[in-house]
Amino acid sequence: MCEQCVREEFPDRDSLCVDQGSYMINFFKCCQCHAQEIKNINRNCTETKNEEVITYQHVCSNCTHVIAEHEHIFRVEGEFQVYEMSCLLCGSADDQRSIMPVDPRGPVM
């Protein structure tokens, strides 16, 4: 992972957990070749009985310099779907959503 290629390391994304794409507003430029385009490669999805983990790399489209490793985790805990994201470029976030038609915690404010 390369701190020189991003504007902010692991920005707080609150509850926005994405399993694809890139947070381009946080991308500065490739520190190796100064290009400003990236692509995602090496996407891998691992599923176990209780969890799904998606990982991939953000790399420079020009020189393939690795900018960040992206990890997205999904699991069900009781009556809630739990999402987590960790990425130098896209940031850190976590979210919980009820699997019930009406959230037992009440309306989200």
PDB file of N, CA and C in Angstrom:
ATOM      1  N   MET A   1       0.837  -1.167   0.000  1.00  0.00           N
ATOM      2  CA  MET A   1       0.000   0.000   0.000  1.00  0.00           C
ATOM      3  C   MET A   1       0.889   1.239   0.000  1.00  0.00           C
ATOM      4  N   CYS A   2       0.394   2.287  -0.603  1.00  0.00           N
ATOM      5  CA  CYS A   2       1.236   3.455  -0.813  1.00  0.00           C
ATOM      6  C   CYS A   2       0.571   4.728  -0.303  1.00  0.00           C
ATOM      7  N   GLU A   3       1.056   5.240   0.814  1.00  0.00           N
ATOM      8  CA  GLU A   3       0.506   6.454   1.409  1.00  0.00           C
ATOM      9  C   GLU A   3       0.744   7.686   0.543  1.00  0.00           C
ATOM     10  N   GLN A   4       1.751   7.654  -0.330  1.00  0.00           N
ATOM     11  CA  GLN A   4       2.077   8.807  -1.174  1.00  0.00           C
ATOM     12  C   GLN A   4       1.070   9.009  -2.303  1.00  0.00           C
ATOM     13  N   CYS A   5       0.298   7.988  -2.627  1.00  0.00           N
ATOM     14  CA  CYS A   5      -0.641   8.064  -3.753  1.00  0.00           C
ATOM     15  C   CYS A   5      -2.024   8.573  -3.351  1.00  0.00           C
ATOM     16  N   VAL A   6      -2.287   8.678  -2.060  1.00  0.00           N
ATOM     17  CA  VAL A   6      -3.619   9.080  -1.610  1.00  0.00           C
ATOM     18  C   VAL A   6      -3.562  10.412  -0.876  1.00  0.00           C
ATOM     19  N   ARG A   7      -4.681  11.102  -0.869  1.00  0.00           N
ATOM     20  CA  ARG A   7      -4.769  12.387  -0.164  1.00  0.00           C
ATOM     21  C   ARG A   7      -4.868  12.174   1.347  1.00  0.00           C
ATOM     22  N   GLU A   8      -5.649  11.168   1.759  1.00  0.00           N
ATOM     23  CA  GLU A   8      -5.861  10.864   3.171  1.00  0.00           C
ATOM     24  C   GLU A   8      -5.838   9.356   3.349  1.00  0.00           C
ATOM     25  N   GLU A   9      -5.136   8.887   4.365  1.00  0.00           N
ATOM     26  CA  GLU A   9      -5.060   7.453   4.638  1.00  0.00           C
ATOM     27  C   GLU A   9      -6.305   6.997   5.387  1.00  0.00           C
ATOM     28  N   PHE A  10      -6.932   5.932   4.903  1.00  0.00           N
ATOM     29  CA  PHE A  10      -8.108   5.329   5.534  1.00  0.00           C
ATOM     30  C   PHE A  10      -9.143   6.374   5.976  1.00  0.00           C
ATOM     31  N   PRO A  11      -9.675   7.172   5.038  1.00  0.00           N
ATOM     32  CA  PRO A  11     -10.677   8.170   5.450  1.00  0.00           C
ATOM     33  C   PRO A  11     -11.899   7.493   6.068  1.00  0.00           C
ATOM     34  N   ASP A  12     -12.523   8.189   7.021  1.00  0.00           N
ATOM     35  CA  ASP A  12     -13.721   7.665   7.680  1.00  0.00           C
ATOM     36  C   ASP A  12     -14.901   7.804   6.722  1.00  0.00           C
ATOM     37  N   ARG A  13     -15.479   6.679   6.314  1.00  0.00           N
ATOM     38  CA  ARG A  13     -16.600   6.693   5.367  1.00  0.00           C
ATOM     39  C   ARG A  13     -17.923   6.384   6.052  1.00  0.00           C
ATOM     40  N   ASP A  14     -17.950   6.470   7.369  1.00  0.00           N
ATOM     41  CA  ASP A  14     -19.151   6.273   8.172  1.00  0.00           C
ATOM     42  C   ASP A  14     -19.742   4.884   7.916  1.00  0.00           C
ATOM     43  N   SER A  15     -20.880   4.793   7.218  1.00  0.00           N
ATOM     44  CA  SER A  15     -21.517   3.494   6.981  1.00  0.00           C
ATOM     45  C   SER A  15     -21.458   3.066   5.512  1.00  0.00           C
ATOM     46  N   LEU A  16     -20.683   3.771   4.677  1.00  0.00           N
ATOM     47  CA  LEU A  16     -20.592   3.445   3.252  1.00  0.00           C
ATOM     48  C   LEU A  16     -19.564   2.340   3.035  1.00  0.00           C
ATOM     49  N   CYS A  17     -20.038   1.117   2.873  1.00  0.00           N
ATOM     50  CA  CYS A  17     -19.174  -0.046   2.675  1.00  0.00           C
ATOM     51  C   CYS A  17     -19.376  -0.576   1.257  1.00  0.00           C
ATOM     52  N   VAL A  18     -18.390  -0.405   0.400  1.00  0.00           N
ATOM     53  CA  VAL A  18     -18.526  -0.839  -0.986  1.00  0.00           C
ATOM     54  C   VAL A  18     -17.671  -2.077  -1.247  1.00  0.00           C
ATOM     55  N   ASP A  19     -18.189  -2.954  -2.094  1.00  0.00           N
ATOM     56  CA  ASP A  19     -17.458  -4.177  -2.434  1.00  0.00           C
ATOM     57  C   ASP A  19     -16.904  -4.134  -3.852  1.00  0.00           C
ATOM     58  N   GLN A  20     -16.963  -2.955  -4.487  1.00  0.00           N
ATOM     59  CA  GLN A  20     -16.358  -2.760  -5.812  1.00  0.00           C
ATOM     60  C   GLN A  20     -16.149  -1.270  -6.017  1.00  0.00           C
ATOM     61  N   GLY A  21     -15.343  -0.923  -6.994  1.00  0.00           N
ATOM     62  CA  GLY A  21     -15.105   0.480  -7.294  1.00  0.00           C
ATOM     63  C   GLY A  21     -13.946   1.072  -6.516  1.00  0.00           C
ATOM     64  N   SER A  22     -13.784   2.405  -6.665  1.00  0.00           N
ATOM     65  CA  SER A  22     -12.682   3.137  -6.050  1.00  0.00           C
ATOM     66  C   SER A  22     -13.169   4.509  -5.601  1.00  0.00           C
ATOM     67  N   TYR A  23     -12.624   5.011  -4.536  1.00  0.00           N
ATOM     68  CA  TYR A  23     -12.941   6.345  -4.026  1.00  0.00           C
ATOM     69  C   TYR A  23     -11.970   7.329  -4.685  1.00  0.00           C
ATOM     70  N   MET A  24     -12.302   7.719  -5.911  1.00  0.00           N
ATOM     71  CA  MET A  24     -11.390   8.498  -6.744  1.00  0.00           C
ATOM     72  C   MET A  24     -11.072   9.882  -6.179  1.00  0.00           C
ATOM     73  N   ILE A  25     -11.961  10.471  -5.431  1.00  0.00           N
ATOM     74  CA  ILE A  25     -11.696  11.797  -4.882  1.00  0.00           C
ATOM     75  C   ILE A  25     -10.516  11.767  -3.901  1.00  0.00           C
ATOM     76  N   ASN A  26     -10.227  10.600  -3.344  1.00  0.00           N
ATOM     77  CA  ASN A  26      -9.108  10.454  -2.411  1.00  0.00           C
ATOM     78  C   ASN A  26      -7.806  10.072  -3.119  1.00  0.00           C
ATOM     79  N   PHE A  27      -7.873   9.783  -4.415  1.00  0.00           N
ATOM     80  CA  PHE A  27      -6.663   9.407  -5.159  1.00  0.00           C
ATOM     81  C   PHE A  27      -5.941  10.671  -5.597  1.00  0.00           C
ATOM     82  N   PHE A  28      -4.670  10.806  -5.235  1.00  0.00           N
ATOM     83  CA  PHE A  28      -3.872  11.968  -5.617  1.00  0.00           C
ATOM     84  C   PHE A  28      -3.262  11.731  -6.993  1.00  0.00           C
ATOM     85  N   LYS A  29      -2.256  10.868  -7.057  1.00  0.00           N
ATOM     86  CA  LYS A  29      -1.644  10.418  -8.301  1.00  0.00           C
ATOM     87  C   LYS A  29      -0.655   9.317  -7.963  1.00  0.00           C
ATOM     88  N   CYS A  30      -0.291   8.551  -8.960  1.00  0.00           N
ATOM     89  CA  CYS A  30       0.689   7.478  -8.756  1.00  0.00           C
ATOM     90  C   CYS A  30       2.044   8.109  -8.435  1.00  0.00           C
ATOM     91  N   CYS A  31       2.642   7.686  -7.348  1.00  0.00           N
ATOM     92  CA  CYS A  31       3.942   8.240  -6.964  1.00  0.00           C
ATOM     93  C   CYS A  31       5.069   7.714  -7.846  1.00  0.00           C
ATOM     94  N   GLN A  32       4.818   6.658  -8.604  1.00  0.00           N
ATOM     95  CA  GLN A  32       5.842   6.085  -9.480  1.00  0.00           C
ATOM     96  C   GLN A  32       5.901   6.788 -10.829  1.00  0.00           C
ATOM     97  N   CYS A  33       4.722   6.961 -11.471  1.00  0.00           N
ATOM     98  CA  CYS A  33       4.703   7.506 -12.840  1.00  0.00           C
ATOM     99  C   CYS A  33       3.857   8.773 -12.975  1.00  0.00           C
ATOM    100  N   HIS A  34       3.204   9.187 -11.899  1.00  0.00           N
ATOM    101  CA  HIS A  34       2.384  10.410 -11.844  1.00  0.00           C
ATOM    102  C   HIS A  34       1.097  10.332 -12.663  1.00  0.00           C
ATOM    103  N   ALA A  35       0.702   9.153 -13.095  1.00  0.00           N
ATOM    104  CA  ALA A  35      -0.574   8.988 -13.798  1.00  0.00           C
ATOM    105  C   ALA A  35      -1.711   9.182 -12.799  1.00  0.00           C
ATOM    106  N   GLN A  36      -2.886   9.517 -13.306  1.00  0.00           N
ATOM    107  CA  GLN A  36      -4.028   9.756 -12.430  1.00  0.00           C
ATOM    108  C   GLN A  36      -5.199   8.841 -12.758  1.00  0.00           C
ATOM    109  N   GLU A  37      -4.900   7.647 -13.234  1.00  0.00           N
ATOM    110  CA  GLU A  37      -5.932   6.655 -13.514  1.00  0.00           C
ATOM    111  C   GLU A  37      -5.581   5.364 -12.793  1.00  0.00           C
ATOM    112  N   ILE A  38      -6.604   4.737 -12.216  1.00  0.00           N
ATOM    113  CA  ILE A  38      -6.385   3.471 -11.524  1.00  0.00           C
ATOM    114  C   ILE A  38      -7.380   2.429 -12.011  1.00  0.00           C
ATOM    115  N   LYS A  39      -7.034   1.175 -11.753  1.00  0.00           N
ATOM    116  CA  LYS A  39      -7.935   0.066 -12.059  1.00  0.00           C
ATOM    117  C   LYS A  39      -7.887  -0.899 -10.887  1.00  0.00           C
ATOM    118  N   ASN A  40      -8.887  -1.774 -10.842  1.00  0.00           N
ATOM    119  CA  ASN A  40      -8.966  -2.783  -9.792  1.00  0.00           C
ATOM    120  C   ASN A  40      -8.608  -4.140 -10.385  1.00  0.00           C
ATOM    121  N   ILE A  41      -7.734  -4.866  -9.706  1.00  0.00           N
ATOM    122  CA  ILE A  41      -7.307  -6.184 -10.192  1.00  0.00           C
ATOM    123  C   ILE A  41      -7.317  -7.188  -9.042  1.00  0.00           C
ATOM    124  N   ASN A  42      -7.130  -8.438  -9.403  1.00  0.00           N
ATOM    125  CA  ASN A  42      -7.005  -9.538  -8.437  1.00  0.00           C
ATOM    126  C   ASN A  42      -8.181  -9.637  -7.470  1.00  0.00           C
ATOM    127  N   ARG A  43      -9.381  -9.440  -7.999  1.00  0.00           N
ATOM    128  CA  ARG A  43     -10.585  -9.547  -7.157  1.00  0.00           C
ATOM    129  C   ARG A  43     -10.782 -10.998  -6.734  1.00  0.00           C
ATOM    130  N   ASN A  44     -11.001 -11.191  -5.446  1.00  0.00           N
ATOM    131  CA  ASN A  44     -11.172 -12.530  -4.902  1.00  0.00           C
ATOM    132  C   ASN A  44     -12.322 -12.509  -3.901  1.00  0.00           C
ATOM    133  N   CYS A  45     -13.195 -13.483  -3.992  1.00  0.00           N
ATOM    134  CA  CYS A  45     -14.315 -13.620  -3.063  1.00  0.00           C
ATOM    135  C   CYS A  45     -14.188 -14.964  -2.354  1.00  0.00           C
ATOM    136  N   THR A  46     -14.099 -14.924  -1.042  1.00  0.00           N
ATOM    137  CA  THR A  46     -13.995 -16.122  -0.227  1.00  0.00           C
ATOM    138  C   THR A  46     -15.233 -16.213   0.654  1.00  0.00           C
ATOM    139  N   GLU A  47     -15.935 -17.331   0.541  1.00  0.00           N
ATOM    140  CA  GLU A  47     -17.144 -17.530   1.336  1.00  0.00           C
ATOM    141  C   GLU A  47     -16.954 -18.692   2.291  1.00  0.00           C
ATOM    142  N   THR A  48     -17.345 -18.450   3.527  1.00  0.00           N
ATOM    143  CA  THR A  48     -17.407 -19.521   4.513  1.00  0.00           C
ATOM    144  C   THR A  48     -18.860 -19.608   4.966  1.00  0.00           C
ATOM    145  N   LYS A  49     -19.114 -20.474   5.907  1.00  0.00           N
ATOM    146  CA  LYS A  49     -20.480 -20.645   6.393  1.00  0.00           C
ATOM    147  C   LYS A  49     -21.043 -19.340   6.964  1.00  0.00           C
ATOM    148  N   ASN A  50     -20.204 -18.559   7.623  1.00  0.00           N
ATOM    149  CA  ASN A  50     -20.678 -17.376   8.335  1.00  0.00           C
ATOM    150  C   ASN A  50     -20.273 -16.041   7.723  1.00  0.00           C
ATOM    151  N   GLU A  51     -19.427 -16.054   6.689  1.00  0.00           N
ATOM    152  CA  GLU A  51     -18.847 -14.793   6.255  1.00  0.00           C
ATOM    153  C   GLU A  51     -18.474 -14.815   4.776  1.00  0.00           C
ATOM    154  N   GLU A  52     -18.566 -13.648   4.148  1.00  0.00           N
ATOM    155  CA  GLU A  52     -18.095 -13.455   2.777  1.00  0.00           C
ATOM    156  C   GLU A  52     -17.054 -12.341   2.803  1.00  0.00           C
ATOM    157  N   VAL A  53     -15.862 -12.612   2.260  1.00  0.00           N
ATOM    158  CA  VAL A  53     -14.794 -11.625   2.230  1.00  0.00           C
ATOM    159  C   VAL A  53     -14.409 -11.380   0.776  1.00  0.00           C
ATOM    160  N   ILE A  54     -14.472 -10.117   0.365  1.00  0.00           N
ATOM    161  CA  ILE A  54     -14.077  -9.720  -0.980  1.00  0.00           C
ATOM    162  C   ILE A  54     -12.832  -8.855  -0.861  1.00  0.00           C
ATOM    163  N   THR A  55     -11.793  -9.217  -1.615  1.00  0.00           N
ATOM    164  CA  THR A  55     -10.562  -8.435  -1.631  1.00  0.00           C
ATOM    165  C   THR A  55     -10.173  -8.133  -3.067  1.00  0.00           C
ATOM    166  N   TYR A  56      -9.525  -7.022  -3.268  1.00  0.00           N
ATOM    167  CA  TYR A  56      -8.922  -6.688  -4.557  1.00  0.00           C
ATOM    168  C   TYR A  56      -7.897  -5.592  -4.353  1.00  0.00           C
ATOM    169  N   GLN A  57      -7.136  -5.316  -5.407  1.00  0.00           N
ATOM    170  CA  GLN A  57      -6.103  -4.296  -5.349  1.00  0.00           C
ATOM    171  C   GLN A  57      -6.462  -3.130  -6.253  1.00  0.00           C
ATOM    172  N   HIS A  58      -6.174  -1.923  -5.774  1.00  0.00           N
ATOM    173  CA  HIS A  58      -6.235  -0.722  -6.597  1.00  0.00           C
ATOM    174  C   HIS A  58      -4.817  -0.523  -7.124  1.00  0.00           C
ATOM    175  N   VAL A  59      -4.650  -0.470  -8.444  1.00  0.00           N
ATOM    176  CA  VAL A  59      -3.329  -0.287  -9.034  1.00  0.00           C
ATOM    177  C   VAL A  59      -3.358   0.823 -10.078  1.00  0.00           C
ATOM    178  N   CYS A  60      -2.210   1.393 -10.352  1.00  0.00           N
ATOM    179  CA  CYS A  60      -2.081   2.413 -11.380  1.00  0.00           C
ATOM    180  C   CYS A  60      -2.350   1.771 -12.741  1.00  0.00           C
ATOM    181  N   SER A  61      -3.182   2.399 -13.545  1.00  0.00           N
ATOM    182  CA  SER A  61      -3.504   1.873 -14.878  1.00  0.00           C
ATOM    183  C   SER A  61      -2.298   1.914 -15.806  1.00  0.00           C
ATOM    184  N   ASN A  62      -1.357   2.798 -15.530  1.00  0.00           N
ATOM    185  CA  ASN A  62      -0.203   2.967 -16.409  1.00  0.00           C
ATOM    186  C   ASN A  62       0.948   2.011 -16.067  1.00  0.00           C
ATOM    187  N   CYS A  63       1.350   1.969 -14.789  1.00  0.00           N
ATOM    188  CA  CYS A  63       2.543   1.197 -14.414  1.00  0.00           C
ATOM    189  C   CYS A  63       2.253   0.030 -13.474  1.00  0.00           C
ATOM    190  N   THR A  64       1.007  -0.190 -13.099  1.00  0.00           N
ATOM    191  CA  THR A  64       0.526  -1.247 -12.201  1.00  0.00           C
ATOM    192  C   THR A  64       1.095  -1.171 -10.774  1.00  0.00           C
ATOM    193  N   HIS A  65       1.556   0.006 -10.381  1.00  0.00           N
ATOM    194  CA  HIS A  65       1.987   0.231  -8.995  1.00  0.00           C
ATOM    195  C   HIS A  65       0.785  -0.014  -8.077  1.00  0.00           C
ATOM    196  N   VAL A  66       0.965  -0.794  -7.013  1.00  0.00           N
ATOM    197  CA  VAL A  66      -0.127  -1.097  -6.083  1.00  0.00           C
ATOM    198  C   VAL A  66      -0.344   0.097  -5.155  1.00  0.00           C
ATOM    199  N   ILE A  67      -1.539   0.651  -5.239  1.00  0.00           N
ATOM    200  CA  ILE A  67      -1.892   1.815  -4.439  1.00  0.00           C
ATOM    201  C   ILE A  67      -2.517   1.385  -3.117  1.00  0.00           C
ATOM    202  N   ALA A  68      -3.426   0.402  -3.156  1.00  0.00           N
ATOM    203  CA  ALA A  68      -4.100  -0.026  -1.929  1.00  0.00           C
ATOM    204  C   ALA A  68      -4.676  -1.423  -2.082  1.00  0.00           C
ATOM    205  N   GLU A  69      -4.868  -2.073  -0.948  1.00  0.00           N
ATOM    206  CA  GLU A  69      -5.545  -3.366  -0.855  1.00  0.00           C
ATOM    207  C   GLU A  69      -6.927  -3.097  -0.261  1.00  0.00           C
ATOM    208  N   HIS A  70      -7.966  -3.527  -0.946  1.00  0.00           N
ATOM    209  CA  HIS A  70      -9.339  -3.273  -0.514  1.00  0.00           C
ATOM    210  C   HIS A  70      -9.926  -4.553   0.079  1.00  0.00           C
ATOM    211  N   GLU A  71     -10.580  -4.434   1.245  1.00  0.00           N
ATOM    212  CA  GLU A  71     -11.234  -5.589   1.869  1.00  0.00           C
ATOM    213  C   GLU A  71     -12.651  -5.203   2.282  1.00  0.00           C
ATOM    214  N   HIS A  72     -13.599  -6.043   1.876  1.00  0.00           N
ATOM    215  CA  HIS A  72     -15.007  -5.860   2.227  1.00  0.00           C
ATOM    216  C   HIS A  72     -15.486  -7.157   2.863  1.00  0.00           C
ATOM    217  N   ILE A  73     -16.120  -7.056   4.035  1.00  0.00           N
ATOM    218  CA  ILE A  73     -16.592  -8.237   4.762  1.00  0.00           C
ATOM    219  C   ILE A  73     -18.099  -8.123   4.972  1.00  0.00           C
ATOM    220  N   PHE A  74     -18.790  -9.229   4.742  1.00  0.00           N
ATOM    221  CA  PHE A  74     -20.226  -9.312   5.004  1.00  0.00           C
ATOM    222  C   PHE A  74     -20.492 -10.567   5.828  1.00  0.00           C
ATOM    223  N   ARG A  75     -21.355 -10.415   6.851  1.00  0.00           N
ATOM    224  CA  ARG A  75     -21.772 -11.566   7.648  1.00  0.00           C
ATOM    225  C   ARG A  75     -23.120 -11.264   8.284  1.00  0.00           C
ATOM    226  N   VAL A  76     -23.798 -12.296   8.736  1.00  0.00           N
ATOM    227  CA  VAL A  76     -25.059 -12.148   9.448  1.00  0.00           C
ATOM    228  C   VAL A  76     -24.799 -12.479  10.912  1.00  0.00           C
ATOM    229  N   GLU A  77     -25.198 -11.549  11.778  1.00  0.00           N
ATOM    230  CA  GLU A  77     -25.080 -11.748  13.224  1.00  0.00           C
ATOM    231  C   GLU A  77     -26.469 -11.586  13.828  1.00  0.00           C
ATOM    232  N   GLY A  78     -27.071 -12.684  14.224  1.00  0.00           N
ATOM    233  CA  GLY A  78     -28.418 -12.623  14.786  1.00  0.00           C
ATOM    234  C   GLY A  78     -29.404 -12.117  13.756  1.00  0.00           C
ATOM    235  N   GLU A  79     -30.050 -11.007  14.052  1.00  0.00           N
ATOM    236  CA  GLU A  79     -31.045 -10.435  13.150  1.00  0.00           C
ATOM    237  C   GLU A  79     -30.488  -9.280  12.315  1.00  0.00           C
ATOM    238  N   PHE A  80     -29.158  -9.205  12.201  1.00  0.00           N
ATOM    239  CA  PHE A  80     -28.548  -8.087  11.479  1.00  0.00           C
ATOM    240  C   PHE A  80     -27.537  -8.553  10.437  1.00  0.00           C
ATOM    241  N   GLN A  81     -27.511  -7.844   9.313  1.00  0.00           N
ATOM    242  CA  GLN A  81     -26.467  -7.993   8.311  1.00  0.00           C
ATOM    243  C   GLN A  81     -25.370  -6.999   8.688  1.00  0.00           C
ATOM    244  N   VAL A  82     -24.134  -7.471   8.752  1.00  0.00           N
ATOM    245  CA  VAL A  82     -23.019  -6.623   9.157  1.00  0.00           C
ATOM    246  C   VAL A  82     -22.071  -6.470   7.971  1.00  0.00           C
ATOM    247  N   TYR A  83     -21.720  -5.224   7.669  1.00  0.00           N
ATOM    248  CA  TYR A  83     -20.805  -4.898   6.572  1.00  0.00           C
ATOM    249  C   TYR A  83     -19.602  -4.158   7.148  1.00  0.00           C
ATOM    250  N   GLU A  84     -18.408  -4.475   6.644  1.00  0.00           N
ATOM    251  CA  GLU A  84     -17.193  -3.772   7.046  1.00  0.00           C
ATOM    252  C   GLU A  84     -16.337  -3.532   5.810  1.00  0.00           C
ATOM    253  N   MET A  85     -15.639  -2.399   5.785  1.00  0.00           N
ATOM    254  CA  MET A  85     -14.739  -2.088   4.679  1.00  0.00           C
ATOM    255  C   MET A  85     -13.467  -1.497   5.261  1.00  0.00           C
ATOM    256  N   SER A  86     -12.330  -1.900   4.689  1.00  0.00           N
ATOM    257  CA  SER A  86     -11.046  -1.341   5.081  1.00  0.00           C
ATOM    258  C   SER A  86     -10.181  -1.211   3.840  1.00  0.00           C
ATOM    259  N   CYS A  87      -9.730   0.028   3.575  1.00  0.00           N
ATOM    260  CA  CYS A  87      -8.911   0.286   2.390  1.00  0.00           C
ATOM    261  C   CYS A  87      -8.201   1.622   2.566  1.00  0.00           C
ATOM    262  N   LEU A  88      -6.917   1.675   2.269  1.00  0.00           N
ATOM    263  CA  LEU A  88      -6.154   2.905   2.347  1.00  0.00           C
ATOM    264  C   LEU A  88      -6.778   3.991   1.479  1.00  0.00           C
ATOM    265  N   LEU A  89      -7.237   3.638   0.290  1.00  0.00           N
ATOM    266  CA  LEU A  89      -7.828   4.590  -0.645  1.00  0.00           C
ATOM    267  C   LEU A  89      -9.300   4.873  -0.339  1.00  0.00           C
ATOM    268  N   CYS A  90     -10.098   3.834  -0.205  1.00  0.00           N
ATOM    269  CA  CYS A  90     -11.552   3.986  -0.053  1.00  0.00           C
ATOM    270  C   CYS A  90     -11.983   4.299   1.370  1.00  0.00           C
ATOM    271  N   GLY A  91     -11.168   3.947   2.337  1.00  0.00           N
ATOM    272  CA  GLY A  91     -11.457   4.288   3.719  1.00  0.00           C
ATOM    273  C   GLY A  91     -11.932   3.126   4.562  1.00  0.00           C
ATOM    274  N   SER A  92     -12.352   3.473   5.770  1.00  0.00           N
ATOM    275  CA  SER A  92     -12.857   2.499   6.735  1.00  0.00           C
ATOM    276  C   SER A  92     -14.318   2.813   7.029  1.00  0.00           C
ATOM    277  N   ALA A  93     -15.126   1.763   7.124  1.00  0.00           N
ATOM    278  CA  ALA A  93     -16.552   1.942   7.404  1.00  0.00           C
ATOM    279  C   ALA A  93     -17.126   0.649   7.946  1.00  0.00           C
ATOM    280  N   ASP A  94     -18.239   0.774   8.650  1.00  0.00           N
ATOM    281  CA  ASP A  94     -18.993  -0.400   9.069  1.00  0.00           C
ATOM    282  C   ASP A  94     -20.465  -0.022   9.153  1.00  0.00           C
ATOM    283  N   ASP A  95     -21.309  -1.017   8.941  1.00  0.00           N
ATOM    284  CA  ASP A  95     -22.750  -0.779   8.906  1.00  0.00           C
ATOM    285  C   ASP A  95     -23.475  -2.041   9.346  1.00  0.00           C
ATOM    286  N   GLN A  96     -24.641  -1.871   9.939  1.00  0.00           N
ATOM    287  CA  GLN A  96     -25.516  -2.982  10.310  1.00  0.00           C
ATOM    288  C   GLN A  96     -26.901  -2.682   9.781  1.00  0.00           C
ATOM    289  N   ARG A  97     -27.520  -3.671   9.177  1.00  0.00           N
ATOM    290  CA  ARG A  97     -28.889  -3.551   8.673  1.00  0.00           C
ATOM    291  C   ARG A  97     -29.706  -4.723   9.193  1.00  0.00           C
ATOM    292  N   SER A  98     -30.917  -4.435   9.623  1.00  0.00           N
ATOM    293  CA  SER A  98     -31.808  -5.480  10.128  1.00  0.00           C
ATOM    294  C   SER A  98     -32.252  -6.377   8.973  1.00  0.00           C
ATOM    295  N   ILE A  99     -32.353  -7.674   9.228  1.00  0.00           N
ATOM    296  CA  ILE A  99     -32.880  -8.588   8.212  1.00  0.00           C
ATOM    297  C   ILE A  99     -34.397  -8.688   8.304  1.00  0.00           C
ATOM    298  N   MET A 100     -34.973  -8.055   9.335  1.00  0.00           N
ATOM    299  CA  MET A 100     -36.416  -8.050   9.537  1.00  0.00           C
ATOM    300  C   MET A 100     -37.041  -6.943   8.705  1.00  0.00           C
ATOM    301  N   PRO A 101     -38.321  -7.095   8.310  1.00  0.00           N
ATOM    302  CA  PRO A 101     -38.992  -6.035   7.525  1.00  0.00           C
ATOM    303  C   PRO A 101     -39.017  -4.685   8.248  1.00  0.00           C
ATOM    304  N   VAL A 102     -39.145  -4.724   9.589  1.00  0.00           N
ATOM    305  CA  VAL A 102     -39.119  -3.509  10.386  1.00  0.00           C
ATOM    306  C   VAL A 102     -37.933  -3.637  11.347  1.00  0.00           C
ATOM    307  N   ASP A 103     -37.041  -2.659  11.319  1.00  0.00           N
ATOM    308  CA  ASP A 103     -35.861  -2.680  12.168  1.00  0.00           C
ATOM    309  C   ASP A 103     -36.283  -2.609  13.639  1.00  0.00           C
ATOM    310  N   PRO A 104     -35.902  -3.599  14.470  1.00  0.00           N
ATOM    311  CA  PRO A 104     -36.298  -3.588  15.886  1.00  0.00           C
ATOM    312  C   PRO A 104     -35.708  -2.415  16.668  1.00  0.00           C
ATOM    313  N   ARG A 105     -34.691  -1.758  16.136  1.00  0.00           N
ATOM    314  CA  ARG A 105     -34.095  -0.591  16.804  1.00  0.00           C
ATOM    315  C   ARG A 105     -34.910   0.676  16.536  1.00  0.00           C
ATOM    316  N   GLY A 106     -35.880   0.594  15.637  1.00  0.00           N
ATOM    317  CA  GLY A 106     -36.684   1.760  15.288  1.00  0.00           C
ATOM    318  C   GLY A 106     -36.152   2.431  14.036  1.00  0.00           C
ATOM    319  N   PRO A 107     -36.755   3.549  13.644  1.00  0.00           N
ATOM    320  CA  PRO A 107     -36.321   4.230  12.431  1.00  0.00           C
ATOM    321  C   PRO A 107     -34.925   4.807  12.567  1.00  0.00           C
ATOM    322  N   VAL A 108     -34.189   4.822  11.464  1.00  0.00           N
ATOM    323  CA  VAL A 108     -32.839   5.378  11.428  1.00  0.00           C
ATOM    324  C   VAL A 108     -32.957   6.884  11.287  1.00  0.00           C
ATOM    325  N   MET A 109     -32.287   7.608  12.132  1.00  0.00           N
ATOM    326  CA  MET A 109     -32.337   9.086  12.100  1.00  0.00           C
ATOM    327  C   MET A 109     -31.088   9.624  11.483  1.00  0.00           C
TER     328      MET A 109
END
